[in-house]
Amino acid sequence: MDPGHSTGRQVGNISFAIRYTSDLNRLGLLLDVHIHLEEKLASYFGAEQAILYSYGFSTIASAIPAYAKKGDIIYADECVNFAIQKGLDASRSKIK
């Protein structure tokens, strides 16, 4: 069994941005392996920090409001997918 598969069986999968959008750390459910992977990714890419998302909806719906705030203007096609719509709504930015 490869290391990724055995680690996955051991620690499982969490389907959201584990460190920043949940109370897992406060509840003691945040696993060291997740923090370690984020740290390794940040180091690899030369960034201060990294964040892991396990699926696209949570990535889009939480990243847009993290960077775009009330009063910002976002130009978006009216046919963007549902996840982008929710992220735009959550940002409270002006959508054009």
Protein backbone atom coordinates (compact mmCIF):
# COMPACT_ATOMS: atom_id res chain seq x y z
CA MET A 1 0.00 0.00 0.00
CA ASP A 2 1.42 3.42 -0.94
CA PRO A 3 1.96 6.07 1.79
CA GLY A 4 -0.87 8.30 0.57
CA HIS A 5 -3.39 5.49 0.68
CA SER A 6 -2.31 4.26 4.12
CA THR A 7 -2.35 7.80 5.53
CA GLY A 8 -5.82 8.37 4.08
CA ARG A 9 -7.09 5.21 5.75
CA GLN A 10 -5.48 6.26 9.02
CA VAL A 11 -6.61 9.90 9.29
CA GLY A 12 -9.57 10.13 6.93
CA ASN A 13 -10.82 13.05 4.87
CA ILE A 14 -12.27 16.37 5.93
CA SER A 15 -14.30 18.16 3.28
CA PHE A 16 -13.66 21.84 4.01
CA ALA A 17 -10.85 24.26 4.67
CA ILE A 18 -9.86 22.67 7.91
CA ARG A 19 -7.82 25.35 9.61
CA TYR A 20 -9.60 28.55 8.68
CA THR A 21 -13.28 27.85 8.21
CA SER A 22 -14.07 25.47 11.04
CA ASP A 23 -13.81 24.93 14.77
CA LEU A 24 -11.88 21.68 14.38
CA ASN A 25 -8.74 23.10 15.96
CA ARG A 26 -10.66 24.44 18.96
CA LEU A 27 -12.46 21.13 19.33
CA GLY A 28 -9.22 19.15 19.14
CA LEU A 29 -10.20 17.44 15.88
CA LEU A 30 -7.65 19.10 13.62
CA LEU A 31 -5.09 16.47 12.75
CA ASP A 32 -1.37 17.13 12.73
CA VAL A 33 -1.10 15.50 9.31
CA HIS A 34 -3.32 18.22 7.80
CA ILE A 35 -1.29 21.04 9.36
CA HIS A 36 1.93 19.34 8.30
CA LEU A 37 0.75 19.09 4.69
CA GLU A 38 -0.26 22.76 4.63
CA GLU A 39 3.16 23.71 6.02
CA LYS A 40 4.97 21.55 3.46
CA LEU A 41 2.94 23.03 0.60
CA ALA A 42 3.61 26.58 1.79
CA SER A 43 7.32 25.84 2.00
CA TYR A 44 7.37 24.23 -1.43
CA PHE A 45 5.65 27.21 -3.05
CA GLY A 46 7.60 29.78 -1.03
CA ALA A 47 4.46 31.14 0.64
CA GLU A 48 3.81 32.13 4.25
CA GLN A 49 0.88 29.73 4.54
CA ALA A 50 -1.19 27.31 2.50
CA ILE A 51 -4.77 26.18 2.87
CA LEU A 52 -6.28 22.85 1.87
CA TYR A 53 -9.73 22.41 0.42
CA SER A 54 -11.06 19.03 -0.54
CA TYR A 55 -13.60 20.11 -3.12
CA GLY A 56 -14.28 23.01 -5.44
CA PHE A 57 -17.47 24.41 -3.95
CA SER A 58 -15.90 25.25 -0.60
CA THR A 59 -12.82 26.65 -2.30
CA ILE A 60 -14.76 29.06 -4.46
CA ALA A 61 -17.51 29.95 -2.01
CA SER A 62 -15.05 30.88 0.75
CA ALA A 63 -12.08 32.25 -1.21
CA ILE A 64 -14.05 34.96 -3.02
CA PRO A 65 -15.38 36.61 0.17
CA ALA A 66 -11.96 36.22 1.79
CA TYR A 67 -10.40 38.52 -0.80
CA ALA A 68 -13.31 40.67 -1.99
CA LYS A 69 -15.08 42.82 0.58
CA LYS A 70 -18.11 45.08 0.77
CA GLY A 71 -17.63 48.00 -1.57
CA ASP A 72 -15.31 46.17 -3.98
CA ILE A 73 -16.47 45.77 -7.57
CA ILE A 74 -16.38 42.32 -9.15
CA TYR A 75 -17.01 41.82 -12.84
CA ALA A 76 -18.58 38.42 -13.39
CA ASP A 77 -20.56 36.75 -16.13
CA GLU A 78 -24.23 36.35 -15.21
CA CYS A 79 -23.97 32.63 -15.98
CA VAL A 80 -21.26 31.78 -13.42
CA ASN A 81 -21.78 28.51 -11.58
CA PHE A 82 -23.64 28.20 -8.26
CA ALA A 83 -20.50 28.09 -6.10
CA ILE A 84 -19.22 31.34 -7.62
CA GLN A 85 -22.66 32.93 -7.15
CA LYS A 86 -22.60 32.02 -3.46
CA GLY A 87 -19.07 33.36 -3.06
CA LEU A 88 -20.07 36.60 -4.75
CA ASP A 89 -23.12 36.90 -2.51
CA ALA A 90 -21.05 36.27 0.62
CA SER A 91 -18.50 38.91 -0.38
CA ARG A 92 -21.18 41.64 -0.37
CA SER A 93 -19.24 43.26 -3.20
CA LYS A 94 -20.86 45.13 -6.07
CA ILE A 95 -21.33 42.68 -8.94
CA LYS A 96 -21.30 44.01 -12.50
